[in-house]
Amino acid sequence: MPIRVLIANRGEIAIRVARSVSELGYTPLGVYTSVDKNSLHRRFVIEDSEVSSYLDMDDIIEAALQLGADAVHPGYGFLSENSEFARKVIAKGLVWIGPRPEVIDRAGDKLGLKETALKLGLPTLPYQRVEAPEDVLEFARDYGYPVLLKAAGGGGGIGMRVVRNEKEAESKVSESIMEVERAFKDRRIYVEPYIERGKHIEVQIIGDGDNVVHLYERECSVQFRYQKIVEEAPSPSITPETRRALAGVAVELMKSIRYDNAGTVEFIYDVKTGKFYVMEVNARIQVEHPVTEMITGIDIVKRQIRVAFEVSLDIRQEEVTYRGHAIEARIEAQNPLDLSPSTGYITRYIEPAGPGVRVDSGVAAGSYVPIDYNPLISKVIAYGGDRSEAISRLLRSLNEYVIEGIQTNIPFVKAIINSPSFRDATYTTAYVEQSLGELFKQVEKEVATHALATAVVAVVKPEFSRTLRGKLVKEKLTESRVESIKRRAWTYWTLTRSRLRRK
């Protein structure tokens, strides 16, 4: 009888996991909430059950038992790094497809992880526990400003605050503590130096507690408010020597905590000094795992499942190689003019395809995109023989992508990919926020051009549309003209975008 795996998640990651479960000959099972009754991920499981929330541990475990599940895969987010949930799953006789609960605890405690790194002699930034603004002032006297406040018991950018001077310390410490306590039920925060010109680079790990191997690194420096937008592998910013050093540190750290299953070690790379430092460990599959799969040819989700059932990892470090370059763009339900959330029904949906293109999506035509969850609706991953080809394929894919009925951040992503800082790989974690005005300006020009063309094409003969579009593309729009039409631009564009082809 096939092994039955309950996927305790939704959207694109639930579909991604279900596909690997099916390819292994197992039976994918699912859960959904009342908001997700018509969600696409329900079509990819054999059976499913409604739950009150993707955070309700008891409800999800009860659903797993009723569906006859043998194992639970948590995906990412929600309960994926919750050791209590893992323990409850195991206590019911189910296989937990993730690190052991005690490993999740060790990996999730950032202060404890820093202590471990220091004992091993691994590079990590100096830090200090913060309970009051005075702790930040004391730390800054030794290390200078700016400094960064971070949550000790969670991630995702929650609680992170840059403190640039003494005046900001009190308000930002208070904000950070309140935010992390609300999110993680853990009010611990700490302070460390803030790397002004930093790159976020992470190493993918898979292990069984004894055998721990790396699958090379990814760069995730294109971020806005600490949320990643574009990721690529391998990193275009480091030398082969640094690559080897990063991987070696990641493996040593994960071996020290006897890490099992898939996980990631995150580093901050200081462009100014060329040094890197351990930041944290993510004890789960990452959103950006496809770029690693594309360059290594290793299905990370399948390896997660095999390690969970077979206990031992079936690959050795010398068997792992990479080839080419891959870039992932997160497509989110957002207004590209200000990145505010967008919700509603998708009326038309056509995914890009062709050589080197992969789309991990959680939606289809007719899907409802709620405001209740993360705005991520899909990921476009482009692979090429080198970075230049990967960029070209990604841009071609974004131009092909048709999503109508809601707003998406596709124009914003295209502005990033077309920017000189991305093309020459000089971008840092601060790049998007520092360039926001220019990026929005590029988005406005694209949306305005489409809006003007669409408005006129609607009342002229179709055969004139090509000539008209050519004239409008060349037109130099004034700022006042752009401002007057941008509120209506998106509606025009999404309704007839498929009729317009940019040169």
Protein backbone atom coordinates (compact mmCIF):
# COMPACT_ATOMS: atom_id res chain seq x y z
CA MET A 1 0.00 0.00 0.00
CA PRO A 2 1.51 3.41 -0.99
CA ILE A 3 2.84 5.66 1.76
CA ARG A 4 0.45 8.53 2.41
CA VAL A 5 1.96 11.98 3.02
CA LEU A 6 -0.07 14.87 4.42
CA ILE A 7 1.13 18.29 3.19
CA ALA A 8 0.38 20.81 5.95
CA ASN A 9 0.48 23.87 3.73
CA ARG A 10 -1.14 25.69 0.82
CA GLY A 11 -0.34 27.40 -2.49
CA GLU A 12 2.68 26.77 -4.65
CA ILE A 13 4.72 24.89 -2.02
CA ALA A 14 1.87 22.44 -1.38
CA ILE A 15 1.72 21.72 -5.11
CA ARG A 16 5.52 21.49 -5.34
CA VAL A 17 5.66 18.92 -2.54
CA ALA A 18 2.67 16.97 -3.90
CA ARG A 19 4.44 16.53 -7.23
CA SER A 20 7.53 15.00 -5.64
CA VAL A 21 5.39 12.81 -3.37
CA SER A 22 3.56 11.49 -6.44
CA GLU A 23 6.78 10.90 -8.38
CA LEU A 24 8.04 8.72 -5.53
CA GLY A 25 4.93 6.57 -5.89
CA TYR A 26 3.43 7.86 -2.65
CA THR A 27 -0.02 9.35 -2.08
CA PRO A 28 -0.25 13.13 -1.46
CA LEU A 29 -2.88 14.29 1.04
CA GLY A 30 -3.81 17.86 1.89
CA VAL A 31 -5.57 20.34 4.11
CA TYR A 32 -7.37 23.57 3.31
CA THR A 33 -9.22 26.34 5.12
CA SER A 34 -12.60 27.85 4.32
CA VAL A 35 -10.82 30.67 2.45
CA ASP A 36 -9.06 28.07 0.29
CA LYS A 37 -12.03 25.88 -0.67
CA ASN A 38 -11.39 26.52 -4.37
CA SER A 39 -7.61 26.78 -4.23
CA LEU A 40 -5.47 25.09 -6.85
CA HIS A 41 -3.45 23.01 -4.40
CA ARG A 42 -6.54 20.89 -3.67
CA ARG A 43 -6.40 19.51 -7.23
CA PHE A 44 -2.95 18.00 -6.63
CA VAL A 45 -3.82 15.78 -3.67
CA ILE A 46 -5.79 12.53 -3.66
CA GLU A 47 -7.74 13.39 -0.51
CA ASP A 48 -7.88 16.37 1.81
CA SER A 49 -9.67 17.73 4.84
CA GLU A 50 -10.77 21.19 5.96
CA VAL A 51 -9.00 22.68 8.96
CA SER A 52 -9.62 25.87 10.91
CA SER A 53 -6.15 27.25 10.24
CA TYR A 54 -2.77 26.25 8.82
CA LEU A 55 -1.46 27.08 12.31
CA ASP A 56 -3.84 24.80 14.23
CA MET A 57 -1.57 21.91 15.21
CA ASP A 58 -4.23 19.68 16.70
CA ASP A 59 -6.63 20.22 13.83
CA ILE A 60 -3.97 19.35 11.25
CA ILE A 61 -2.82 16.24 13.12
CA GLU A 62 -6.42 15.08 13.49
CA ALA A 63 -6.88 15.55 9.74
CA ALA A 64 -3.73 13.51 9.10
CA LEU A 65 -4.99 10.65 11.25
CA GLN A 66 -8.47 10.68 9.69
CA LEU A 67 -6.96 10.60 6.20
CA GLY A 68 -4.72 7.69 7.13
CA ALA A 69 -1.47 9.61 6.66
CA ASP A 70 1.88 7.99 7.41
CA ALA A 71 3.85 11.23 7.41
CA VAL A 72 3.54 15.03 7.51
CA HIS A 73 5.48 17.48 5.33
CA PRO A 74 5.15 21.08 6.62
CA GLY A 75 6.46 22.97 3.55
CA TYR A 76 7.77 26.42 4.53
CA GLY A 77 6.23 29.07 6.77
CA PHE A 78 3.30 28.30 9.07
CA LEU A 79 4.39 25.39 11.35
CA SER A 80 7.47 24.30 9.41
CA GLU A 81 9.96 25.37 12.12
CA ASN A 82 7.72 24.69 15.11
CA SER A 83 9.35 22.00 17.25
CA GLU A 84 6.17 21.55 19.31
CA PHE A 85 4.27 20.63 16.16
CA ALA A 86 7.03 18.21 15.13
CA ARG A 87 6.88 16.54 18.55
CA LYS A 88 3.11 16.20 18.37
CA VAL A 89 3.33 14.65 14.90
CA ILE A 90 5.92 12.12 16.07
CA ALA A 91 3.95 11.36 19.26
CA LYS A 92 1.02 10.24 17.11
CA GLY A 93 3.20 7.71 15.32
CA LEU A 94 3.59 9.79 12.15
CA VAL A 95 6.85 10.46 10.33
CA TRP A 96 7.97 14.10 10.49
CA ILE A 97 9.52 15.19 7.19
CA GLY A 98 11.93 17.71 8.61
CA PRO A 99 14.71 18.04 11.16
CA ARG A 100 14.26 16.35 14.55
CA PRO A 101 12.48 18.61 17.09
CA GLU A 102 15.63 19.07 19.18
CA VAL A 103 17.53 20.12 16.04
CA ILE A 104 14.80 22.65 15.21
CA ASP A 105 15.23 24.09 18.70
CA ARG A 106 19.01 24.36 18.33
CA ALA A 107 18.76 25.87 14.85
CA GLY A 108 15.98 28.30 15.78
CA ASP A 109 17.74 29.88 18.74
CA LYS A 110 19.91 32.51 17.08
CA LEU A 111 21.77 33.40 20.26
CA GLY A 112 22.55 29.76 20.96
CA LEU A 113 23.64 29.30 17.36
CA LYS A 114 25.99 32.26 17.61
CA GLU A 115 27.52 30.76 20.75
CA THR A 116 28.01 27.45 18.92
CA ALA A 117 29.67 29.24 15.99
CA LEU A 118 32.02 31.10 18.33
CA LYS A 119 33.01 27.88 20.13
CA LEU A 120 33.83 26.31 16.77
CA GLY A 121 35.86 29.35 15.74
CA LEU A 122 33.49 30.13 12.86
CA PRO A 123 33.02 33.73 11.67
CA THR A 124 30.08 35.50 13.30
CA LEU A 125 29.43 39.14 14.15
CA PRO A 126 29.75 40.33 17.76
CA TYR A 127 26.41 40.59 19.53
CA GLN A 128 24.71 41.45 22.81
CA ARG A 129 21.35 40.54 24.32
CA VAL A 130 19.04 43.57 24.53
CA GLU A 131 16.50 44.15 27.26
CA ALA A 132 16.58 47.94 27.35
CA PRO A 133 17.83 50.83 25.17
CA GLU A 134 20.88 51.14 27.43
CA ASP A 135 22.13 47.78 26.12
CA VAL A 136 22.16 49.18 22.58
CA LEU A 137 23.98 52.31 23.70
CA GLU A 138 26.60 50.22 25.49
CA PHE A 139 27.12 48.01 22.44
CA ALA A 140 27.36 51.03 20.09
CA ARG A 141 30.05 52.58 22.30
CA ASP A 142 32.22 49.55 21.54
CA TYR A 143 31.31 48.92 17.91
CA GLY A 144 29.85 52.18 16.63
CA TYR A 145 26.68 52.96 14.66
CA PRO A 146 24.71 51.78 12.77
CA VAL A 147 23.64 48.64 14.62
CA LEU A 148 20.90 46.12 13.89
CA LEU A 149 18.24 44.76 16.25
CA LYS A 150 17.12 41.17 15.55
CA ALA A 151 14.76 38.60 17.03
CA ALA A 152 16.45 35.74 18.90
CA GLY A 153 13.62 33.25 18.37
CA GLY A 154 12.35 33.87 14.83
CA GLY A 155 13.07 35.26 11.39
CA GLY A 156 11.35 36.65 8.33
CA GLY A 157 12.53 40.18 9.04
CA ILE A 158 10.22 40.46 12.05
CA GLY A 159 11.66 42.72 14.73
CA MET A 160 14.58 43.89 12.61
CA ARG A 161 15.42 47.56 13.10
CA VAL A 162 18.46 49.58 12.07
CA VAL A 163 19.54 52.00 14.80
CA ARG A 164 21.71 54.80 13.41
CA ASN A 165 22.15 57.01 16.45
CA GLU A 166 21.49 57.31 20.18
CA LYS A 167 18.16 59.10 19.67
CA GLU A 168 16.65 56.15 17.79
CA ALA A 169 17.56 53.51 20.36
CA GLU A 170 14.62 53.84 22.75
CA SER A 171 11.79 53.83 20.21
CA LYS A 172 13.28 51.09 18.05
CA VAL A 173 14.03 48.75 20.95
CA SER A 174 10.44 49.12 22.13
CA GLU A 175 9.05 48.50 18.61
CA SER A 176 11.26 45.47 18.08
CA ILE A 177 10.39 43.79 21.39
CA MET A 178 6.66 44.30 20.90
CA GLU A 179 6.80 42.95 17.35
CA VAL A 180 8.75 39.78 18.17
CA GLU A 181 6.70 39.03 21.28
CA ARG A 182 3.51 39.27 19.24
CA ALA A 183 4.87 37.12 16.43
CA PHE A 184 6.89 34.49 18.29
CA LYS A 185 5.72 34.67 21.92
CA ASP A 186 9.40 35.29 22.64
CA ARG A 187 10.49 38.82 23.54
CA ARG A 188 14.25 38.19 23.27
CA ILE A 189 16.14 40.44 20.88
CA TYR A 190 19.83 41.13 20.37
CA VAL A 191 22.01 43.73 18.68
CA GLU A 192 24.90 43.33 16.27
CA PRO A 193 26.80 45.65 13.89
CA TYR A 194 24.87 46.58 10.77
CA ILE A 195 26.72 45.85 7.53
CA GLU A 196 25.92 48.83 5.30
CA ARG A 197 27.12 47.17 2.08
CA GLY A 198 26.09 43.61 2.73
CA LYS A 199 25.05 40.69 0.56
CA HIS A 200 22.74 37.93 1.75
CA ILE A 201 24.24 34.60 0.72
CA GLU A 202 22.98 31.22 1.93
CA VAL A 203 24.23 27.65 1.62
CA GLN A 204 21.76 24.82 1.00
CA ILE A 205 22.35 21.80 3.23
CA ILE A 206 20.94 18.27 3.27
CA GLY A 207 21.94 15.79 5.95
CA ASP A 208 21.04 12.79 8.08
CA GLY A 209 22.80 13.79 11.31
CA ASP A 210 26.07 12.09 10.39
CA ASN A 211 26.47 12.69 6.68
CA VAL A 212 25.95 16.40 5.93
CA VAL A 213 26.52 17.77 2.43
CA HIS A 214 26.13 21.20 0.85
CA LEU A 215 24.41 21.93 -2.46
CA TYR A 216 26.35 25.16 -3.01
CA GLU A 217 25.08 28.66 -2.37
CA ARG A 218 22.39 31.11 -3.46
CA GLU A 219 22.42 34.90 -3.38
CA CYS A 220 19.26 36.53 -2.01
CA SER A 221 20.30 40.18 -1.70
CA VAL A 222 17.40 41.64 -3.73
CA GLN A 223 15.08 42.36 -0.81
CA PHE A 224 12.49 44.90 0.24
CA ARG A 225 11.73 45.29 3.95
CA TYR A 226 13.76 42.11 4.55
CA GLN A 227 11.54 40.11 2.17
CA LYS A 228 13.32 38.48 -0.78
CA ILE A 229 12.24 39.29 -4.34
CA VAL A 230 14.89 37.78 -6.64
CA GLU A 231 17.34 34.97 -5.88
CA GLU A 232 20.08 33.40 -7.97
CA ALA A 233 22.51 30.50 -7.86
CA PRO A 234 25.41 30.42 -7.79
CA SER A 235 26.16 33.82 -6.28
CA PRO A 236 27.72 36.13 -8.91
CA SER A 237 29.43 38.12 -6.15
CA ILE A 238 32.01 35.75 -4.68
CA THR A 239 35.22 34.04 -5.77
CA PRO A 240 35.67 30.26 -5.98
CA GLU A 241 37.81 30.48 -2.82
CA THR A 242 35.05 32.26 -0.90
CA ARG A 243 32.54 29.74 -2.24
CA ARG A 244 34.57 26.86 -0.82
CA ALA A 245 35.01 28.66 2.51
CA LEU A 246 31.30 29.45 2.85
CA ALA A 247 30.33 25.86 2.11
CA GLY A 248 32.92 24.52 4.54
CA VAL A 249 31.67 26.73 7.38
CA ALA A 250 28.05 25.78 6.69
CA VAL A 251 28.79 22.05 6.75
CA GLU A 252 30.89 22.30 9.93
CA LEU A 253 28.16 24.25 11.73
CA MET A 254 25.40 21.83 10.69
CA LYS A 255 27.48 18.79 11.61
CA SER A 256 28.02 20.27 15.07
CA ILE A 257 24.26 20.27 15.73
CA ARG A 258 23.82 16.89 13.96
CA TYR A 259 21.49 18.40 11.41
CA ASP A 260 19.15 16.07 9.57
CA ASN A 261 16.91 16.76 6.55
CA ALA A 262 17.04 19.94 4.40
CA GLY A 263 18.10 23.30 5.81
CA THR A 264 19.96 26.49 5.03
CA VAL A 265 22.80 28.41 6.66
CA GLU A 266 22.49 32.14 6.04
CA PHE A 267 25.49 34.46 5.84
CA ILE A 268 26.02 38.19 5.54
CA TYR A 269 28.88 39.03 3.17
CA ASP A 270 30.57 42.40 3.69
CA VAL A 271 31.39 43.80 0.26
CA LYS A 272 33.72 46.39 1.77
CA THR A 273 35.97 43.91 3.60
CA GLY A 274 35.33 40.70 1.66
CA LYS A 275 34.51 38.89 4.91
CA PHE A 276 31.43 36.77 5.63
CA TYR A 277 29.63 35.94 8.88
CA VAL A 278 27.14 33.28 9.99
CA MET A 279 23.70 34.82 10.55
CA GLU A 280 21.23 32.01 11.20
CA VAL A 281 19.93 28.58 10.21
CA ASN A 282 16.56 27.91 8.55
CA ALA A 283 15.40 24.43 9.56
CA ARG A 284 13.09 23.86 6.59
CA ILE A 285 12.80 23.95 2.83
CA GLN A 286 13.30 27.50 1.49
CA VAL A 287 11.08 29.40 -0.95
CA GLU A 288 14.08 29.78 -3.25
CA HIS A 289 15.13 26.11 -3.30
CA PRO A 290 14.33 25.73 -7.07
CA VAL A 291 17.42 27.68 -8.16
CA THR A 292 19.59 25.17 -6.32
CA GLU A 293 17.66 22.29 -7.88
CA MET A 294 18.18 23.78 -11.35
CA ILE A 295 21.98 24.04 -11.09
CA THR A 296 22.59 20.76 -9.22
CA GLY A 297 19.86 18.54 -10.70
CA ILE A 298 18.93 17.37 -7.18
CA ASP A 299 15.26 17.26 -6.14
CA ILE A 300 15.54 18.61 -2.59
CA VAL A 301 11.97 17.70 -1.63
CA LYS A 302 12.50 14.07 -2.65
CA ARG A 303 15.69 14.00 -0.56
CA GLN A 304 13.72 15.38 2.40
CA ILE A 305 11.21 12.56 2.12
CA ARG A 306 13.84 9.85 1.63
CA VAL A 307 15.90 10.99 4.63
CA ALA A 308 12.76 11.04 6.79
CA PHE A 309 11.82 7.45 5.89
CA GLU A 310 15.22 5.88 5.24
CA VAL A 311 17.11 7.79 7.98
CA SER A 312 20.34 7.92 5.93
CA LEU A 313 21.25 10.29 3.10
CA ASP A 314 22.05 8.57 -0.19
CA ILE A 315 24.51 11.14 -1.61
CA ARG A 316 28.09 12.08 -0.76
CA GLN A 317 29.73 15.47 -1.11
CA GLU A 318 31.96 14.38 -3.98
CA GLU A 319 28.86 13.47 -5.99
CA VAL A 320 27.45 17.01 -5.84
CA THR A 321 28.35 19.39 -8.67
CA TYR A 322 26.70 22.40 -10.23
CA ARG A 323 26.36 23.66 -13.76
CA GLY A 324 25.09 26.88 -15.34
CA HIS A 325 23.10 29.62 -13.62
CA ALA A 326 19.53 29.97 -12.34
CA ILE A 327 17.50 33.01 -11.25
CA GLU A 328 14.14 33.02 -9.47
CA ALA A 329 11.63 35.88 -9.41
CA ARG A 330 8.86 35.85 -6.84
CA ILE A 331 5.57 36.88 -8.43
CA GLU A 332 3.33 38.48 -5.84
CA ALA A 333 -0.20 39.88 -5.80
CA GLN A 334 0.83 43.52 -5.47
CA ASN A 335 0.25 46.84 -7.15
CA PRO A 336 3.61 47.44 -8.88
CA LEU A 337 3.28 51.20 -8.42
CA ASP A 338 3.48 51.03 -4.63
CA LEU A 339 3.72 47.29 -3.70
CA SER A 340 0.44 47.38 -1.79
CA PRO A 341 -1.51 44.08 -1.62
CA SER A 342 -3.90 43.09 -4.40
CA THR A 343 -6.76 40.64 -4.02
CA GLY A 344 -9.49 39.18 -6.21
CA TYR A 345 -10.13 36.57 -8.90
CA ILE A 346 -7.66 35.78 -11.66
CA THR A 347 -9.68 36.08 -14.86
CA ARG A 348 -6.99 34.99 -17.33
CA TYR A 349 -3.79 33.09 -16.70
CA ILE A 350 -1.08 31.92 -19.12
CA GLU A 351 2.30 30.78 -17.80
CA PRO A 352 5.55 31.33 -19.71
CA ALA A 353 7.33 28.28 -21.08
CA GLY A 354 10.19 27.37 -23.38
CA PRO A 355 13.84 26.41 -22.90
CA GLY A 356 15.18 26.71 -19.37
CA VAL A 357 11.94 27.98 -17.80
CA ARG A 358 10.19 26.58 -14.74
CA VAL A 359 7.10 28.02 -13.05
CA ASP A 360 6.09 26.93 -9.55
CA SER A 361 2.59 28.34 -9.23
CA GLY A 362 -0.27 28.16 -6.77
CA VAL A 363 -2.92 29.71 -9.01
CA ALA A 364 -4.81 29.24 -12.29
CA ALA A 365 -7.56 31.01 -14.22
CA GLY A 366 -10.48 31.37 -11.82
CA SER A 367 -8.33 31.25 -8.67
CA TYR A 368 -9.19 33.64 -5.88
CA VAL A 369 -6.23 35.42 -4.31
CA PRO A 370 -7.12 36.25 -0.68
CA ILE A 371 -5.55 38.95 1.42
CA ASP A 372 -5.36 36.51 4.37
CA TYR A 373 -2.03 34.96 3.37
CA ASN A 374 1.38 35.76 1.92
CA PRO A 375 0.98 37.57 -1.45
CA LEU A 376 3.28 35.06 -3.22
CA ILE A 377 1.31 33.45 -6.05
CA SER A 378 4.09 31.89 -8.13
CA LYS A 379 7.81 31.74 -8.84
CA VAL A 380 9.43 32.01 -12.25
CA ILE A 381 12.78 30.24 -12.43
CA ALA A 382 15.04 30.68 -15.46
CA TYR A 383 18.09 28.53 -16.14
CA GLY A 384 20.89 29.27 -18.56
CA GLY A 385 24.36 28.08 -19.46
CA ASP A 386 25.60 31.30 -17.84
CA ARG A 387 24.14 34.26 -15.95
CA SER A 388 23.57 36.32 -19.09
CA GLU A 389 21.42 33.60 -20.65
CA ALA A 390 19.50 33.10 -17.40
CA ILE A 391 18.71 36.84 -17.27
CA SER A 392 17.54 36.86 -20.90
CA ARG A 393 15.28 33.88 -20.32
CA LEU A 394 13.85 35.38 -17.15
CA LEU A 395 12.98 38.65 -18.89
CA ARG A 396 11.47 36.78 -21.83
CA SER A 397 9.38 34.73 -19.39
CA LEU A 398 8.16 37.80 -17.50
CA ASN A 399 7.10 39.40 -20.80
CA GLU A 400 5.20 36.23 -21.75
CA TYR A 401 3.43 35.86 -18.40
CA VAL A 402 -0.28 36.78 -18.55
CA ILE A 403 -2.09 37.34 -15.24
CA GLU A 404 -5.30 39.32 -15.48
CA GLY A 405 -7.91 40.30 -12.92
CA ILE A 406 -5.43 41.16 -10.17
CA GLN A 407 -2.33 43.29 -9.96
CA THR A 408 1.13 41.72 -9.76
CA ASN A 409 4.65 42.93 -9.13
CA ILE A 410 5.91 41.74 -12.55
CA PRO A 411 6.71 45.28 -13.83
CA PHE A 412 8.59 45.99 -10.61
CA VAL A 413 10.63 42.77 -10.94
CA LYS A 414 11.43 43.65 -14.56
CA ALA A 415 12.66 47.07 -13.47
CA ILE A 416 15.01 45.36 -11.01
CA ILE A 417 16.30 42.83 -13.55
CA ASN A 418 16.92 45.60 -16.11
CA SER A 419 18.78 47.84 -13.66
CA PRO A 420 22.57 48.30 -14.00
CA SER A 421 23.09 47.23 -10.38
CA PHE A 422 21.50 43.87 -11.03
CA ARG A 423 23.15 43.35 -14.39
CA ASP A 424 26.64 43.91 -12.98
CA ALA A 425 25.81 42.11 -9.68
CA THR A 426 26.83 45.07 -7.51
CA TYR A 427 23.45 45.15 -5.74
CA THR A 428 23.34 44.74 -1.95
CA THR A 429 20.55 44.08 0.56
CA ALA A 430 19.93 47.85 0.70
CA TYR A 431 19.68 48.24 -3.09
CA VAL A 432 15.89 48.09 -3.55
CA GLU A 433 15.07 50.51 -0.73
CA GLN A 434 17.77 52.93 -1.83
CA SER A 435 16.61 52.76 -5.47
CA LEU A 436 12.86 52.63 -4.84
CA GLY A 437 12.13 56.00 -6.44
CA GLU A 438 13.96 55.13 -9.66
CA LEU A 439 12.42 51.64 -9.81
CA PHE A 440 8.91 53.02 -9.39
CA LYS A 441 9.65 55.60 -12.08
CA GLN A 442 10.53 52.80 -14.52
CA VAL A 443 7.34 50.95 -13.59
CA GLU A 444 5.25 54.08 -14.12
CA LYS A 445 6.67 54.59 -17.61
CA GLU A 446 5.85 51.02 -18.64
CA VAL A 447 2.35 51.05 -17.17
CA ALA A 448 1.58 54.48 -18.59
CA THR A 449 2.69 53.48 -22.09
CA HIS A 450 0.47 50.41 -22.03
CA ALA A 451 -2.42 52.42 -20.62
CA LEU A 452 -2.28 55.05 -23.35
CA ALA A 453 -1.96 52.44 -26.09
CA THR A 454 -4.77 50.32 -24.70
CA ALA A 455 -7.15 53.25 -24.29
CA VAL A 456 -6.79 54.23 -27.93
CA VAL A 457 -6.64 50.71 -29.37
CA ALA A 458 -10.05 50.08 -27.81
CA VAL A 459 -11.62 52.59 -30.23
CA VAL A 460 -9.53 52.21 -33.39
CA LYS A 461 -9.21 49.42 -35.90
CA PRO A 462 -6.93 46.56 -34.78
CA GLU A 463 -4.69 46.93 -37.84
CA PHE A 464 -3.57 50.34 -36.60
CA SER A 465 -2.51 49.05 -33.19
CA ARG A 466 1.05 48.14 -34.20
CA THR A 467 1.81 51.57 -35.65
CA LEU A 468 0.13 53.31 -32.74
CA ARG A 469 2.08 51.34 -30.19
CA GLY A 470 5.36 52.21 -31.91
CA LYS A 471 4.59 55.91 -31.70
CA LEU A 472 3.59 55.72 -28.04
CA VAL A 473 6.70 53.84 -27.02
CA LYS A 474 8.78 56.68 -28.47
CA GLU A 475 6.67 59.38 -26.81
CA LYS A 476 8.37 61.20 -23.95
CA LEU A 477 5.77 61.37 -21.21
CA THR A 478 5.88 64.24 -18.75
CA GLU A 479 5.72 63.51 -15.01
CA SER A 480 2.35 65.28 -14.73
CA ARG A 481 0.93 63.19 -17.57
CA VAL A 482 2.13 59.97 -15.95
CA GLU A 483 0.59 61.02 -12.63
CA SER A 484 -2.79 61.79 -14.20
CA ILE A 485 -3.17 58.37 -15.82
CA LYS A 486 -1.44 55.96 -13.48
CA ARG A 487 -4.52 55.37 -11.30
CA ARG A 488 -6.37 53.95 -14.33
CA ALA A 489 -3.33 52.42 -16.00
CA TRP A 490 -3.43 49.03 -14.38
CA THR A 491 -7.06 48.35 -15.24
CA TYR A 492 -6.44 49.17 -18.90
CA TRP A 493 -3.32 47.07 -19.00
CA THR A 494 -4.62 43.89 -17.37
CA LEU A 495 -7.80 43.87 -19.46
CA THR A 496 -6.06 43.97 -22.83
CA ARG A 497 -2.43 43.26 -22.15
CA SER A 498 -2.40 40.12 -24.28
CA ARG A 499 -3.25 42.22 -27.36
CA LEU A 500 -0.13 44.29 -26.96
CA ARG A 501 3.36 43.09 -27.77
CA ARG A 502 6.27 45.27 -26.84
CA LYS A 503 9.00 45.64 -29.39
